[in-house]
Amino acid sequence: MMMWRLIWLTVIMAFVLVTGYGVRLYAQTENAVKGTYQPTTKTTKVTKKNIEATKPISILLMGTDTGALGRTDKGRTDTMIVATINPKQKRTTMVSIPRDTYVQIQGGTVQGDKINAAYTYNGTDGAISTVSKLLAVPINYYVLVNMTGLRKIVDAVGGVDVNVAFSWTDPQHVGNYQFTKGPMHLNGAQALAYARMRYLDPEGDYGRQKRQQEVIEGIVKNALSAGTLSNYSTLMKSLSSAIQTNLTFDEIKSIATGYSSSAKTFNQKTLKGTGAMVNGASLQLPSTAELQSVSDLLRGELGLSKTTLNNYSTKENAANANTFNFSTGAGTYTLY
C-alpha cells in the first residue's frame, strides 16, 4: 500500500521534505504548504502535544472536479474517504463513502441529498459536518484535492504508469481518449480522464475509486524519484494550487515522521448502500446496521467508545423498516 493514503496528495510534500533535498527545496515545500492552508471551524484539531505523542487522528479526504474538463461550477466531492491513522496499532483505516449515499446535509436549509452535494451547498464546513454527523466520528483534519490540479501534477512528475483493466473510450463524459487493456503511460490530460470515468466500468463508482488510487500512487512514486527534482518548482506550484487543507506545515512534518509506522497495515472498507430509485433519483441507502458498524470501526480506531447512532439516516431507515428490504433492494423507500 502506498503512503499517499495517509494524507493523500499533501503527504507528497512531506515526503520530499523529510528526504533531505536541501534548504532551498525545504523553503519551497514550506511555501507550497502555506499556500494550501485553509482553516475550518468544523474540525476538532489535535493538540501539538497529542501529535507529538502520536495519538490517533482522523482525516476527511475529498476530491472535487471544480473546473475539470470544461466544468466551471463549484463541483461536488465525488471522492470522500474517512481515514484514521493509529500509530500505536501501526495501521491506517480508510472508509470510502459512495457519492450517491443519501444523507442529511448539514449547515444549510437543504434537508436530504446525495452526500457529494454537501460541499456544493456549504463548502468544506458542510462536507465535514455532514460526514461527522452521519457516522458520529470527529474529524480532525481535511484534505480537498481539485481534480483539475491533478492534471498539472501528473505532467509535473513526468506522467504516470497504470495497468488498464479493460479497453475503453468514453468521449461523451471524459473526452476522446483511447485506453487499451494492459500497461499504459499517461500524461496529465489522459490521467484525469482515466480517473474520472465511471459509466463504462462494471464496478461503477467503486471501479473509479480504484483508478483514482492507481493514478495517485503513480504520482507519489514519480514525485519521489530523482528525475522529478529538475521539475520541482513546477510540482510545488501545482500542489499548492490543487490542494486545500487545515493541516499546517509543522503538523505535516510531524505526521510524516512520527506516524510512518501506520503504513505497515491498511484496512480498507466501503460504506455499503443498497441501490434504489427514490423520487426519480438513484440513491445508495446504507442500512442502520451498516452505518453503526462503520461508526464503531472508526471510533474504535480513534480510541473512542461506541455510541448508538441516532440521526436523520437512522430515523428514515426506521420509518421504512416495513416497506424496504436493505438486503435485496425490494420494496419502496419513502423520504419523510
Protein backbone atom coordinates (compact mmCIF):
# COMPACT_ATOMS: atom_id res chain seq x y z
CA MET A 1 0.00 0.00 0.00
CA MET A 2 1.23 3.46 -0.81
CA MET A 3 1.78 6.16 1.79
CA TRP A 4 -0.40 8.60 -0.16
CA ARG A 5 -3.37 7.13 1.64
CA LEU A 6 -2.25 8.70 4.89
CA ILE A 7 -2.81 12.29 3.86
CA TRP A 8 -3.46 11.93 0.12
CA LEU A 9 -1.51 14.33 -2.07
CA THR A 10 -0.38 16.51 0.82
CA VAL A 11 1.92 13.77 2.03
CA ILE A 12 3.99 14.11 -1.16
CA MET A 13 5.26 17.43 0.09
CA ALA A 14 6.05 15.98 3.48
CA PHE A 15 7.97 13.08 1.95
CA VAL A 16 10.01 15.38 -0.26
CA LEU A 17 10.69 17.49 2.81
CA VAL A 18 11.95 14.72 5.07
CA THR A 19 14.15 13.06 2.44
CA GLY A 20 16.60 15.94 2.75
CA TYR A 21 16.70 17.65 -0.62
CA GLY A 22 18.29 20.77 0.84
CA VAL A 23 17.45 24.18 2.23
CA ARG A 24 16.12 25.65 -1.00
CA LEU A 25 13.70 22.78 -1.57
CA TYR A 26 12.72 22.86 2.09
CA ALA A 27 11.74 26.52 1.71
CA GLN A 28 9.78 25.79 -1.48
CA THR A 29 7.93 22.99 0.29
CA GLU A 30 7.09 25.24 3.24
CA ASN A 31 5.78 27.97 0.94
CA ALA A 32 3.72 25.47 -1.03
CA VAL A 33 2.14 24.05 2.12
CA LYS A 34 1.33 27.53 3.37
CA GLY A 35 -0.45 28.14 0.07
CA THR A 36 -2.74 25.17 0.71
CA TYR A 37 -3.74 26.12 4.25
CA GLN A 38 -7.41 26.91 4.80
CA PRO A 39 -8.74 26.64 8.37
CA THR A 40 -12.23 25.47 9.32
CA THR A 41 -14.29 25.62 12.49
CA LYS A 42 -15.85 22.21 11.85
CA THR A 43 -12.87 20.01 12.69
CA THR A 44 -11.53 19.08 16.10
CA LYS A 45 -7.82 19.59 15.60
CA VAL A 46 -5.40 17.52 17.63
CA THR A 47 -3.15 19.43 20.01
CA LYS A 48 0.55 19.70 19.29
CA LYS A 49 1.20 17.66 22.41
CA ASN A 50 -1.06 14.83 21.20
CA ILE A 51 0.53 14.83 17.75
CA GLU A 52 3.97 14.60 19.32
CA ALA A 53 2.63 11.73 21.43
CA THR A 54 1.30 10.16 18.19
CA LYS A 55 -2.32 9.95 19.28
CA PRO A 56 -4.73 8.54 16.65
CA ILE A 57 -6.07 11.12 14.20
CA SER A 58 -8.82 11.27 11.57
CA ILE A 59 -8.69 12.94 8.17
CA LEU A 60 -11.50 13.50 5.69
CA LEU A 61 -10.13 13.17 2.14
CA MET A 62 -12.19 14.77 -0.62
CA GLY A 63 -11.76 15.10 -4.36
CA THR A 64 -13.68 17.67 -6.41
CA ASP A 65 -13.90 18.21 -10.16
CA THR A 66 -14.05 22.02 -10.00
CA GLY A 67 -13.20 23.32 -13.46
CA ALA A 68 -12.09 19.92 -14.77
CA LEU A 69 -12.76 19.08 -18.42
CA GLY A 70 -14.76 22.23 -19.05
CA ARG A 71 -16.60 22.41 -15.72
CA THR A 72 -16.78 25.86 -14.19
CA ASP A 73 -19.17 25.22 -11.27
CA LYS A 74 -18.10 24.62 -7.69
CA GLY A 75 -18.21 20.90 -8.24
CA ARG A 76 -19.11 18.00 -5.98
CA THR A 77 -16.89 15.81 -3.85
CA ASP A 78 -17.33 12.59 -5.81
CA THR A 79 -14.48 11.09 -3.77
CA MET A 80 -14.88 11.04 0.01
CA ILE A 81 -12.74 8.91 2.33
CA VAL A 82 -12.59 8.97 6.11
CA ALA A 83 -9.09 7.90 7.15
CA THR A 84 -7.95 7.13 10.67
CA ILE A 85 -4.24 6.87 11.45
CA ASN A 86 -3.29 4.85 14.52
CA PRO A 87 0.50 4.73 15.01
CA LYS A 88 0.28 2.74 18.23
CA GLN A 89 -1.53 -0.07 16.43
CA LYS A 90 0.61 0.55 13.32
CA ARG A 91 -2.35 0.76 10.95
CA THR A 92 -4.38 3.09 8.81
CA THR A 93 -8.09 2.52 8.27
CA MET A 94 -9.92 4.03 5.31
CA VAL A 95 -13.65 4.06 4.70
CA SER A 96 -14.87 5.24 1.29
CA ILE A 97 -18.30 6.86 1.18
CA PRO A 98 -20.08 6.40 -2.19
CA ARG A 99 -21.03 9.67 -3.87
CA ASP A 100 -24.74 8.76 -4.08
CA THR A 101 -25.15 7.96 -0.37
CA TYR A 102 -28.33 9.69 0.81
CA VAL A 103 -27.79 11.80 3.92
CA GLN A 104 -28.94 14.88 5.78
CA ILE A 105 -26.94 17.87 4.55
CA GLN A 106 -25.53 19.89 7.44
CA GLY A 107 -25.11 23.66 7.59
CA GLY A 108 -27.97 24.90 5.47
CA THR A 109 -31.64 24.68 4.58
CA VAL A 110 -31.40 21.51 2.46
CA GLN A 111 -32.72 18.52 4.36
CA GLY A 112 -31.51 15.49 2.41
CA ASP A 113 -29.44 14.86 -0.71
CA LYS A 114 -26.56 12.80 -2.03
CA ILE A 115 -23.51 13.20 0.17
CA ASN A 116 -21.36 14.56 -2.65
CA ALA A 117 -23.62 17.65 -2.69
CA ALA A 118 -22.71 18.69 0.87
CA TYR A 119 -19.62 20.50 -0.42
CA THR A 120 -21.61 22.17 -3.20
CA TYR A 121 -24.15 23.58 -0.78
CA ASN A 122 -21.95 24.53 2.17
CA GLY A 123 -18.28 24.07 1.24
CA THR A 124 -15.75 22.13 3.28
CA ASP A 125 -17.54 23.03 6.52
CA GLY A 126 -20.75 21.44 5.26
CA ALA A 127 -18.99 18.32 3.99
CA ILE A 128 -17.10 17.81 7.23
CA SER A 129 -20.19 18.32 9.39
CA THR A 130 -22.29 16.00 7.22
CA VAL A 131 -19.81 13.12 7.41
CA SER A 132 -19.22 13.62 11.13
CA LYS A 133 -22.97 13.63 11.85
CA LEU A 134 -23.63 10.58 9.68
CA LEU A 135 -21.07 8.39 11.45
CA ALA A 136 -20.69 10.10 14.85
CA VAL A 137 -16.96 10.44 14.21
CA PRO A 138 -14.93 13.58 14.99
CA ILE A 139 -12.91 14.83 12.02
CA ASN A 140 -9.51 16.25 12.99
CA TYR A 141 -8.27 17.32 9.56
CA TYR A 142 -9.40 17.52 5.97
CA VAL A 143 -7.65 17.45 2.59
CA LEU A 144 -9.52 18.69 -0.50
CA VAL A 145 -7.98 17.89 -3.89
CA ASN A 146 -9.02 19.67 -7.07
CA MET A 147 -9.01 17.21 -9.95
CA THR A 148 -8.02 19.98 -12.37
CA GLY A 149 -4.81 20.31 -10.42
CA LEU A 150 -4.30 16.57 -10.72
CA ARG A 151 -3.65 17.01 -14.45
CA LYS A 152 -0.92 19.58 -13.77
CA ILE A 153 0.66 17.45 -11.08
CA VAL A 154 0.84 14.40 -13.36
CA ASP A 155 2.58 16.44 -16.05
CA ALA A 156 4.96 17.91 -13.45
CA VAL A 157 6.14 14.42 -12.39
CA GLY A 158 6.55 13.23 -16.00
CA GLY A 159 3.34 11.24 -16.29
CA VAL A 160 2.20 8.07 -14.53
CA ASP A 161 2.19 4.37 -15.34
CA VAL A 162 -1.06 2.44 -14.97
CA ASN A 163 -2.37 -1.00 -15.83
CA VAL A 164 -5.66 -0.60 -17.71
CA ALA A 165 -8.09 -3.35 -16.68
CA PHE A 166 -10.09 -3.30 -19.94
CA SER A 167 -10.08 -1.33 -23.19
CA TRP A 168 -12.45 1.64 -23.32
CA THR A 169 -13.18 5.09 -24.65
CA ASP A 170 -15.82 7.50 -23.32
CA PRO A 171 -15.87 10.69 -25.45
CA GLN A 172 -19.26 11.77 -24.13
CA HIS A 173 -18.19 12.04 -20.49
CA VAL A 174 -14.39 12.32 -20.23
CA GLY A 175 -13.09 13.25 -23.68
CA ASN A 176 -11.91 11.38 -26.75
CA TYR A 177 -9.14 9.32 -25.18
CA GLN A 178 -8.36 5.70 -26.02
CA PHE A 179 -7.38 3.31 -23.22
CA THR A 180 -6.11 -0.13 -24.20
CA LYS A 181 -6.02 -3.06 -21.82
CA GLY A 182 -2.57 -3.50 -20.31
CA PRO A 183 0.25 -1.16 -19.23
CA MET A 184 -0.01 2.47 -20.33
CA HIS A 185 1.94 5.65 -19.59
CA LEU A 186 -0.44 8.60 -19.18
CA ASN A 187 0.09 12.34 -19.39
CA GLY A 188 -1.93 14.74 -17.25
CA ALA A 189 -4.96 15.03 -19.54
CA GLN A 190 -5.13 11.26 -20.04
CA ALA A 191 -4.74 10.60 -16.31
CA LEU A 192 -7.61 12.96 -15.48
CA ALA A 193 -9.90 11.18 -17.95
CA TYR A 194 -8.75 7.79 -16.67
CA ALA A 195 -9.50 8.79 -13.07
CA ARG A 196 -12.94 10.23 -13.83
CA MET A 197 -14.62 7.56 -15.96
CA ARG A 198 -17.35 5.52 -14.23
CA TYR A 199 -20.22 4.90 -16.68
CA LEU A 200 -18.40 2.13 -18.59
CA ASP A 201 -16.82 0.49 -15.57
CA PRO A 202 -18.52 -2.77 -14.48
CA GLU A 203 -17.83 -1.74 -10.89
CA GLY A 204 -19.24 1.76 -11.38
CA ASP A 205 -18.10 4.27 -8.80
CA TYR A 206 -16.10 1.60 -6.98
CA GLY A 207 -14.04 0.98 -10.12
CA ARG A 208 -13.40 4.69 -10.50
CA GLN A 209 -12.10 4.87 -6.93
CA LYS A 210 -9.59 2.12 -7.74
CA ARG A 211 -8.35 4.01 -10.81
CA GLN A 212 -8.02 7.23 -8.83
CA GLN A 213 -5.88 5.38 -6.30
CA GLU A 214 -3.75 3.97 -9.11
CA VAL A 215 -3.09 7.44 -10.54
CA ILE A 216 -2.21 8.91 -7.15
CA GLU A 217 0.14 6.02 -6.41
CA GLY A 218 1.92 6.78 -9.69
CA ILE A 219 2.22 10.44 -8.72
CA VAL A 220 3.77 9.56 -5.37
CA LYS A 221 6.23 7.14 -6.94
CA ASN A 222 7.41 9.66 -9.53
CA ALA A 223 7.38 12.62 -7.13
CA LEU A 224 9.97 10.86 -5.00
CA SER A 225 12.26 9.96 -7.90
CA ALA A 226 15.46 11.88 -8.59
CA GLY A 227 14.21 12.80 -12.06
CA THR A 228 11.46 14.94 -10.59
CA LEU A 229 13.94 17.31 -8.95
CA SER A 230 14.51 19.19 -12.20
CA ASN A 231 10.79 19.97 -12.30
CA TYR A 232 10.42 20.52 -8.56
CA SER A 233 9.27 24.15 -8.71
CA THR A 234 6.52 23.27 -11.16
CA LEU A 235 5.42 20.39 -8.94
CA MET A 236 5.24 22.61 -5.87
CA LYS A 237 3.19 25.25 -7.70
CA SER A 238 0.82 22.55 -8.95
CA LEU A 239 0.38 21.11 -5.48
CA SER A 240 -0.32 24.47 -3.87
CA SER A 241 -3.00 25.27 -6.45
CA ALA A 242 -4.62 21.83 -6.31
CA ILE A 243 -4.88 21.19 -2.58
CA GLN A 244 -6.71 22.81 0.30
CA THR A 245 -6.25 21.61 3.88
CA ASN A 246 -6.29 22.70 7.50
CA LEU A 247 -3.00 20.87 8.11
CA THR A 248 -0.20 23.28 8.91
CA PHE A 249 3.38 22.84 7.74
CA ASP A 250 4.50 21.74 11.22
CA GLU A 251 1.64 19.26 11.52
CA ILE A 252 2.51 17.71 8.16
CA LYS A 253 6.14 17.35 9.21
CA SER A 254 5.17 15.70 12.49
CA ILE A 255 2.71 13.30 10.85
CA ALA A 256 5.11 12.38 8.05
CA THR A 257 7.80 11.39 10.53
CA GLY A 258 6.01 10.25 13.71
CA TYR A 259 3.13 8.42 12.03
CA SER A 260 5.05 6.47 9.39
CA SER A 261 4.58 3.19 11.30
CA SER A 262 0.87 3.29 10.48
CA ALA A 263 1.71 2.48 6.86
CA LYS A 264 2.53 -1.09 7.81
CA THR A 265 -1.09 -2.23 7.82
CA PHE A 266 -4.02 -0.86 5.83
CA ASN A 267 -7.66 -1.66 6.49
CA GLN A 268 -9.97 -0.64 3.65
CA LYS A 269 -13.73 -0.59 3.74
CA THR A 270 -16.57 0.99 1.80
CA LEU A 271 -19.79 2.15 3.39
CA LYS A 272 -22.15 -0.24 1.63
CA GLY A 273 -25.51 1.01 0.50
CA THR A 274 -28.49 -0.57 -1.22
CA GLY A 275 -29.28 0.99 -4.57
CA ALA A 276 -32.80 2.33 -5.03
CA MET A 277 -34.71 4.82 -7.15
CA VAL A 278 -36.32 7.36 -4.83
CA ASN A 279 -38.35 10.25 -6.23
CA GLY A 280 -36.67 9.74 -9.60
CA ALA A 281 -33.12 9.80 -8.20
CA SER A 282 -30.68 6.88 -7.98
CA LEU A 283 -29.53 6.68 -4.36
CA GLN A 284 -27.34 4.48 -2.20
CA LEU A 285 -29.10 3.74 1.10
CA PRO A 286 -26.88 2.31 3.86
CA SER A 287 -28.73 0.30 6.47
CA THR A 288 -28.61 1.33 10.11
CA ALA A 289 -26.60 -1.81 10.88
CA GLU A 290 -24.03 -0.84 8.22
CA LEU A 291 -23.81 2.75 9.49
CA GLN A 292 -23.38 1.52 13.06
CA SER A 293 -20.68 -0.96 12.02
CA VAL A 294 -18.65 1.75 10.26
CA SER A 295 -19.10 4.16 13.16
CA ASP A 296 -17.93 1.52 15.64
CA LEU A 297 -14.89 0.76 13.46
CA LEU A 298 -13.74 4.36 13.07
CA ARG A 299 -14.41 5.34 16.68
CA GLY A 300 -12.52 2.28 17.85
CA GLU A 301 -9.52 3.24 15.73
CA LEU A 302 -9.58 6.68 17.37
CA GLY A 303 -9.70 5.19 20.86
CA LEU A 304 -13.31 6.27 21.40
CA SER A 305 -16.12 4.20 22.89
CA LYS A 306 -19.05 3.07 20.75
CA THR A 307 -22.14 5.25 20.60
CA THR A 308 -25.56 4.31 19.25
CA LEU A 309 -26.32 6.29 16.11
CA ASN A 310 -29.42 8.44 16.24
CA ASN A 311 -29.56 10.74 13.24
CA TYR A 312 -31.58 11.58 10.14
CA SER A 313 -30.49 8.43 8.28
CA THR A 314 -31.28 6.01 11.10
CA LYS A 315 -34.69 7.64 11.62
CA GLU A 316 -35.52 7.42 7.90
CA ASN A 317 -34.44 3.77 7.91
CA ALA A 318 -36.67 3.02 10.88
CA ALA A 319 -39.63 4.65 9.15
CA ASN A 320 -39.05 2.39 6.12
CA ALA A 321 -38.43 -0.83 8.04
CA ASN A 322 -41.67 -2.44 6.86
CA THR A 323 -41.58 -1.28 3.24
CA PHE A 324 -37.95 -1.63 2.10
CA ASN A 325 -35.58 -4.60 2.14
CA PHE A 326 -31.96 -3.49 2.59
CA SER A 327 -30.64 -6.90 1.59
CA THR A 328 -32.37 -7.13 -1.78
CA GLY A 329 -33.46 -3.57 -2.55
CA ALA A 330 -37.04 -4.76 -2.94
CA GLY A 331 -39.88 -2.55 -1.89
CA THR A 332 -40.32 1.20 -1.60
CA TYR A 333 -38.16 3.66 0.31
CA THR A 334 -40.01 6.85 1.22
CA LEU A 335 -38.39 10.10 2.32
CA TYR A 336 -40.28 11.56 5.27
